[in-house]
Amino acid sequence: MGYSPSFFWECSLAEVVDLFDSYRRREDRRQKEKDEAFKVRALSLQVLALQIRDAVWGEKDSDFRTVQHFYPTLFPETEKVDRELIKRNERMRRFAEEHNRLWQQAHSGKEES
């Protein structure tokens, strides 16, 4: 932690506990920063791999494993977000179909000039 023994022995118990807590918070923050940097790098490499695959083979393969598959602990919320996004897109598609059907019914009897 970088403290001299004499400094340590001059501190009260509460100060020592505070020093340890501070050190733990710093280390937690550093680890989170490393995790975020790794996530960004992994996602960037995944995008690059997809672009290379598309350029070489010219087709999309549904069996491509994403970075979330290999590092599920780094991306725990993506599955829930993906499910919510799929549900939202389905609701929007149904709304658009209904809106278009009603619009066509309302405008089908009118002549175009």
N, C-alpha and C. Protein backbone atom coordinates (compact mmCIF):
# COMPACT_ATOMS: atom_id res chain seq x y z
N MET A 1 0.83 -1.19 0.00
CA MET A 1 0.00 0.00 0.00
C MET A 1 0.87 1.25 0.00
N GLY A 2 2.16 1.09 0.27
CA GLY A 2 3.06 2.22 0.16
C GLY A 2 3.26 3.02 1.45
N TYR A 3 2.88 2.47 2.57
CA TYR A 3 3.05 3.19 3.83
C TYR A 3 4.23 2.61 4.60
N SER A 4 4.92 3.48 5.30
CA SER A 4 6.06 3.01 6.09
C SER A 4 5.55 2.36 7.38
N PRO A 5 6.33 1.46 7.96
CA PRO A 5 5.91 0.82 9.21
C PRO A 5 5.67 1.83 10.34
N SER A 6 6.48 2.87 10.39
CA SER A 6 6.30 3.85 11.47
C SER A 6 4.97 4.59 11.31
N PHE A 7 4.60 4.90 10.07
CA PHE A 7 3.31 5.54 9.84
C PHE A 7 2.18 4.62 10.26
N PHE A 8 2.30 3.36 9.92
CA PHE A 8 1.29 2.37 10.28
C PHE A 8 1.11 2.30 11.80
N TRP A 9 2.20 2.26 12.57
CA TRP A 9 2.10 2.12 14.01
C TRP A 9 1.62 3.39 14.70
N GLU A 10 1.74 4.53 14.02
CA GLU A 10 1.25 5.79 14.59
C GLU A 10 -0.23 6.01 14.35
N CYS A 11 -0.83 5.22 13.48
CA CYS A 11 -2.25 5.38 13.15
C CYS A 11 -3.13 4.70 14.19
N SER A 12 -4.32 5.24 14.37
CA SER A 12 -5.30 4.58 15.24
C SER A 12 -5.94 3.43 14.46
N LEU A 13 -6.70 2.61 15.16
CA LEU A 13 -7.36 1.47 14.53
C LEU A 13 -8.33 1.94 13.44
N ALA A 14 -9.07 3.00 13.72
CA ALA A 14 -10.02 3.53 12.73
C ALA A 14 -9.29 4.03 11.49
N GLU A 15 -8.13 4.65 11.67
CA GLU A 15 -7.36 5.13 10.53
C GLU A 15 -6.82 3.97 9.69
N VAL A 16 -6.39 2.91 10.36
CA VAL A 16 -5.90 1.73 9.65
C VAL A 16 -7.03 1.10 8.84
N VAL A 17 -8.20 0.98 9.46
CA VAL A 17 -9.36 0.43 8.75
C VAL A 17 -9.69 1.32 7.55
N ASP A 18 -9.63 2.62 7.74
CA ASP A 18 -9.90 3.56 6.65
C ASP A 18 -8.87 3.40 5.53
N LEU A 19 -7.60 3.21 5.88
CA LEU A 19 -6.55 3.00 4.87
C LEU A 19 -6.82 1.73 4.06
N PHE A 20 -7.20 0.65 4.75
CA PHE A 20 -7.50 -0.60 4.05
C PHE A 20 -8.73 -0.46 3.15
N ASP A 21 -9.76 0.21 3.65
CA ASP A 21 -10.96 0.44 2.83
C ASP A 21 -10.64 1.27 1.60
N SER A 22 -9.83 2.28 1.78
CA SER A 22 -9.44 3.14 0.67
C SER A 22 -8.66 2.34 -0.37
N TYR A 23 -7.75 1.51 0.10
CA TYR A 23 -6.97 0.68 -0.80
C TYR A 23 -7.87 -0.28 -1.58
N ARG A 24 -8.82 -0.90 -0.87
CA ARG A 24 -9.76 -1.82 -1.52
C ARG A 24 -10.59 -1.10 -2.58
N ARG A 25 -11.06 0.10 -2.28
CA ARG A 25 -11.85 0.86 -3.26
C ARG A 25 -11.02 1.22 -4.49
N ARG A 26 -9.75 1.60 -4.26
CA ARG A 26 -8.87 1.92 -5.39
C ARG A 26 -8.66 0.69 -6.27
N GLU A 27 -8.41 -0.44 -5.62
CA GLU A 27 -8.19 -1.67 -6.38
C GLU A 27 -9.46 -2.11 -7.13
N ASP A 28 -10.61 -1.96 -6.50
CA ASP A 28 -11.87 -2.28 -7.17
C ASP A 28 -12.06 -1.39 -8.39
N ARG A 29 -11.78 -0.10 -8.25
CA ARG A 29 -11.91 0.83 -9.36
C ARG A 29 -10.95 0.47 -10.49
N ARG A 30 -9.72 0.14 -10.14
CA ARG A 30 -8.74 -0.26 -11.16
C ARG A 30 -9.19 -1.52 -11.90
N GLN A 31 -9.74 -2.48 -11.14
CA GLN A 31 -10.20 -3.72 -11.77
C GLN A 31 -11.37 -3.45 -12.70
N LYS A 32 -12.29 -2.57 -12.29
CA LYS A 32 -13.42 -2.23 -13.15
C LYS A 32 -12.94 -1.55 -14.42
N GLU A 33 -11.95 -0.68 -14.31
CA GLU A 33 -11.39 -0.01 -15.49
C GLU A 33 -10.75 -1.03 -16.42
N LYS A 34 -10.03 -2.00 -15.86
CA LYS A 34 -9.43 -3.05 -16.68
C LYS A 34 -10.50 -3.89 -17.37
N ASP A 35 -11.57 -4.23 -16.64
CA ASP A 35 -12.66 -5.00 -17.23
C ASP A 35 -13.32 -4.24 -18.37
N GLU A 36 -13.55 -2.94 -18.18
CA GLU A 36 -14.17 -2.14 -19.23
C GLU A 36 -13.26 -2.04 -20.45
N ALA A 37 -11.98 -1.87 -20.21
CA ALA A 37 -11.04 -1.80 -21.33
C ALA A 37 -11.02 -3.13 -22.08
N PHE A 38 -11.08 -4.23 -21.34
CA PHE A 38 -11.10 -5.55 -21.98
C PHE A 38 -12.39 -5.73 -22.78
N LYS A 39 -13.52 -5.28 -22.24
CA LYS A 39 -14.79 -5.39 -22.96
C LYS A 39 -14.72 -4.64 -24.28
N VAL A 40 -14.22 -3.42 -24.23
CA VAL A 40 -14.13 -2.60 -25.44
C VAL A 40 -13.23 -3.28 -26.46
N ARG A 41 -12.10 -3.79 -26.02
CA ARG A 41 -11.16 -4.46 -26.93
C ARG A 41 -11.78 -5.72 -27.51
N ALA A 42 -12.45 -6.52 -26.67
CA ALA A 42 -13.08 -7.75 -27.14
C ALA A 42 -14.18 -7.46 -28.15
N LEU A 43 -15.00 -6.47 -27.88
CA LEU A 43 -16.07 -6.13 -28.81
C LEU A 43 -15.50 -5.57 -30.12
N SER A 44 -14.45 -4.79 -30.04
CA SER A 44 -13.81 -4.26 -31.25
C SER A 44 -13.25 -5.40 -32.10
N LEU A 45 -12.62 -6.35 -31.44
CA LEU A 45 -12.07 -7.49 -32.18
C LEU A 45 -13.17 -8.36 -32.77
N GLN A 46 -14.30 -8.45 -32.08
CA GLN A 46 -15.44 -9.21 -32.62
C GLN A 46 -15.95 -8.54 -33.90
N VAL A 47 -16.10 -7.23 -33.86
CA VAL A 47 -16.56 -6.50 -35.04
C VAL A 47 -15.57 -6.69 -36.19
N LEU A 48 -14.30 -6.60 -35.89
CA LEU A 48 -13.28 -6.81 -36.91
C LEU A 48 -13.37 -8.22 -37.50
N ALA A 49 -13.56 -9.21 -36.64
CA ALA A 49 -13.69 -10.59 -37.11
C ALA A 49 -14.91 -10.75 -38.02
N LEU A 50 -16.01 -10.12 -37.65
CA LEU A 50 -17.21 -10.19 -38.49
C LEU A 50 -16.97 -9.52 -39.84
N GLN A 51 -16.29 -8.40 -39.84
CA GLN A 51 -16.01 -7.70 -41.10
C GLN A 51 -15.08 -8.53 -41.99
N ILE A 52 -14.09 -9.15 -41.41
CA ILE A 52 -13.17 -10.00 -42.18
C ILE A 52 -13.93 -11.19 -42.74
N ARG A 53 -14.75 -11.82 -41.91
CA ARG A 53 -15.54 -12.96 -42.37
C ARG A 53 -16.43 -12.58 -43.54
N ASP A 54 -17.12 -11.45 -43.43
CA ASP A 54 -18.01 -11.00 -44.50
C ASP A 54 -17.24 -10.68 -45.77
N ALA A 55 -16.04 -10.11 -45.63
CA ALA A 55 -15.24 -9.77 -46.80
C ALA A 55 -14.68 -11.02 -47.47
N VAL A 56 -14.31 -12.02 -46.69
CA VAL A 56 -13.71 -13.22 -47.26
C VAL A 56 -14.77 -14.14 -47.84
N TRP A 57 -15.81 -14.42 -47.08
CA TRP A 57 -16.82 -15.37 -47.53
C TRP A 57 -18.03 -14.70 -48.18
N GLY A 58 -18.25 -13.45 -47.89
CA GLY A 58 -19.36 -12.73 -48.50
C GLY A 58 -20.73 -13.14 -48.02
N GLU A 59 -20.79 -13.91 -46.98
CA GLU A 59 -22.09 -14.30 -46.44
C GLU A 59 -22.03 -14.31 -44.92
N LYS A 60 -23.19 -14.22 -44.33
CA LYS A 60 -23.25 -14.20 -42.87
C LYS A 60 -23.56 -15.61 -42.37
N ASP A 61 -22.81 -16.01 -41.37
CA ASP A 61 -22.97 -17.34 -40.79
C ASP A 61 -23.68 -17.21 -39.46
N SER A 62 -24.78 -17.91 -39.32
CA SER A 62 -25.55 -17.80 -38.08
C SER A 62 -24.88 -18.53 -36.91
N ASP A 63 -23.87 -19.34 -37.20
CA ASP A 63 -23.20 -20.10 -36.14
C ASP A 63 -22.05 -19.32 -35.51
N PHE A 64 -21.88 -18.07 -35.89
CA PHE A 64 -20.78 -17.27 -35.35
C PHE A 64 -21.02 -17.03 -33.87
N ARG A 65 -20.05 -17.36 -33.04
CA ARG A 65 -20.17 -17.16 -31.60
C ARG A 65 -19.68 -15.77 -31.24
N THR A 66 -20.47 -15.08 -30.45
CA THR A 66 -20.13 -13.72 -30.07
C THR A 66 -19.20 -13.73 -28.86
N VAL A 67 -18.65 -12.58 -28.59
CA VAL A 67 -17.75 -12.44 -27.43
C VAL A 67 -18.53 -12.68 -26.14
N GLN A 68 -19.82 -12.40 -26.14
CA GLN A 68 -20.63 -12.65 -24.95
C GLN A 68 -20.69 -14.14 -24.64
N HIS A 69 -20.60 -14.98 -25.66
CA HIS A 69 -20.60 -16.43 -25.45
C HIS A 69 -19.34 -16.87 -24.70
N PHE A 70 -18.21 -16.27 -25.04
CA PHE A 70 -16.94 -16.68 -24.44
C PHE A 70 -16.68 -16.03 -23.08
N TYR A 71 -17.28 -14.87 -22.83
CA TYR A 71 -17.08 -14.16 -21.56
C TYR A 71 -18.44 -13.78 -20.95
N PRO A 72 -19.22 -14.75 -20.54
CA PRO A 72 -20.56 -14.44 -20.03
C PRO A 72 -20.55 -13.63 -18.73
N THR A 73 -19.50 -13.74 -17.93
CA THR A 73 -19.48 -12.98 -16.68
C THR A 73 -19.21 -11.51 -16.92
N LEU A 74 -18.59 -11.17 -18.05
CA LEU A 74 -18.36 -9.76 -18.37
C LEU A 74 -19.59 -9.10 -18.97
N PHE A 75 -20.48 -9.90 -19.55
CA PHE A 75 -21.66 -9.37 -20.22
C PHE A 75 -22.93 -10.05 -19.69
N PRO A 76 -23.21 -9.93 -18.39
CA PRO A 76 -24.36 -10.67 -17.85
C PRO A 76 -25.71 -10.10 -18.28
N GLU A 77 -25.79 -8.81 -18.54
CA GLU A 77 -27.07 -8.18 -18.82
C GLU A 77 -27.46 -8.22 -20.29
N THR A 78 -26.58 -8.67 -21.17
CA THR A 78 -26.88 -8.59 -22.60
C THR A 78 -28.02 -9.51 -23.01
N GLU A 79 -28.13 -10.68 -22.40
CA GLU A 79 -29.20 -11.60 -22.78
C GLU A 79 -30.56 -10.99 -22.45
N LYS A 80 -30.69 -10.38 -21.28
CA LYS A 80 -31.94 -9.75 -20.89
C LYS A 80 -32.26 -8.59 -21.82
N VAL A 81 -31.26 -7.78 -22.12
CA VAL A 81 -31.45 -6.64 -23.01
C VAL A 81 -31.84 -7.12 -24.40
N ASP A 82 -31.21 -8.19 -24.88
CA ASP A 82 -31.53 -8.73 -26.19
C ASP A 82 -32.98 -9.20 -26.24
N ARG A 83 -33.43 -9.89 -25.20
CA ARG A 83 -34.83 -10.36 -25.17
C ARG A 83 -35.79 -9.18 -25.16
N GLU A 84 -35.47 -8.15 -24.38
CA GLU A 84 -36.34 -6.96 -24.33
C GLU A 84 -36.35 -6.25 -25.68
N LEU A 85 -35.21 -6.20 -26.34
CA LEU A 85 -35.14 -5.56 -27.65
C LEU A 85 -35.96 -6.32 -28.68
N ILE A 86 -35.90 -7.64 -28.64
CA ILE A 86 -36.69 -8.46 -29.57
C ILE A 86 -38.19 -8.24 -29.32
N LYS A 87 -38.60 -8.21 -28.06
CA LYS A 87 -40.02 -7.96 -27.74
C LYS A 87 -40.45 -6.58 -28.22
N ARG A 88 -39.61 -5.57 -27.99
CA ARG A 88 -39.95 -4.20 -28.42
C ARG A 88 -40.06 -4.13 -29.93
N ASN A 89 -39.14 -4.76 -30.63
CA ASN A 89 -39.18 -4.75 -32.09
C ASN A 89 -40.43 -5.45 -32.61
N GLU A 90 -40.82 -6.53 -31.98
CA GLU A 90 -42.04 -7.24 -32.38
C GLU A 90 -43.28 -6.37 -32.17
N ARG A 91 -43.34 -5.66 -31.03
CA ARG A 91 -44.47 -4.76 -30.78
C ARG A 91 -44.51 -3.64 -31.82
N MET A 92 -43.36 -3.08 -32.13
CA MET A 92 -43.30 -2.01 -33.13
C MET A 92 -43.71 -2.52 -34.51
N ARG A 93 -43.30 -3.72 -34.87
CA ARG A 93 -43.68 -4.29 -36.16
C ARG A 93 -45.20 -4.50 -36.24
N ARG A 94 -45.79 -5.03 -35.16
CA ARG A 94 -47.25 -5.23 -35.13
C ARG A 94 -47.97 -3.89 -35.23
N PHE A 95 -47.47 -2.88 -34.51
CA PHE A 95 -48.08 -1.55 -34.57
C PHE A 95 -48.00 -1.00 -35.99
N ALA A 96 -46.85 -1.13 -36.63
CA ALA A 96 -46.69 -0.62 -37.99
C ALA A 96 -47.62 -1.34 -38.97
N GLU A 97 -47.74 -2.65 -38.83
CA GLU A 97 -48.64 -3.40 -39.71
C GLU A 97 -50.09 -2.94 -39.52
N GLU A 98 -50.51 -2.78 -38.28
CA GLU A 98 -51.88 -2.34 -37.99
C GLU A 98 -52.10 -0.92 -38.52
N HIS A 99 -51.14 -0.04 -38.29
CA HIS A 99 -51.25 1.34 -38.78
C HIS A 99 -51.35 1.36 -40.31
N ASN A 100 -50.51 0.59 -40.98
CA ASN A 100 -50.54 0.56 -42.44
C ASN A 100 -51.85 -0.02 -42.96
N ARG A 101 -52.37 -1.05 -42.28
CA ARG A 101 -53.64 -1.64 -42.69
C ARG A 101 -54.76 -0.63 -42.56
N LEU A 102 -54.83 0.08 -41.44
CA LEU A 102 -55.87 1.09 -41.23
C LEU A 102 -55.72 2.25 -42.21
N TRP A 103 -54.50 2.66 -42.49
CA TRP A 103 -54.27 3.76 -43.42
C TRP A 103 -54.72 3.37 -44.82
N GLN A 104 -54.40 2.11 -45.21
CA GLN A 104 -54.81 1.65 -46.54
C GLN A 104 -56.33 1.55 -46.64
N GLN A 105 -56.99 1.11 -45.58
CA GLN A 105 -58.44 1.04 -45.60
C GLN A 105 -59.04 2.44 -45.72
N ALA A 106 -58.47 3.40 -45.02
CA ALA A 106 -59.01 4.76 -45.06
C ALA A 106 -58.77 5.42 -46.41
N HIS A 107 -57.69 5.11 -47.08
CA HIS A 107 -57.36 5.77 -48.32
C HIS A 107 -57.63 4.94 -49.56
N SER A 108 -58.14 3.72 -49.41
CA SER A 108 -58.38 2.87 -50.58
C SER A 108 -59.56 3.34 -51.41
N GLY A 109 -60.55 4.02 -50.81
CA GLY A 109 -61.73 4.47 -51.54
C GLY A 109 -61.52 5.80 -52.27
N LYS A 110 -60.47 6.50 -51.94
CA LYS A 110 -60.21 7.80 -52.57
C LYS A 110 -59.45 7.62 -53.87
N GLU A 111 -59.79 8.45 -54.86
CA GLU A 111 -59.09 8.41 -56.14
C GLU A 111 -57.86 9.29 -56.07
N GLU A 112 -56.82 8.86 -56.75
CA GLU A 112 -55.59 9.65 -56.77
C GLU A 112 -55.64 10.59 -57.95
N SER A 113 -55.17 11.84 -57.78
CA SER A 113 -55.17 12.81 -58.86
C SER A 113 -53.87 12.82 -59.59
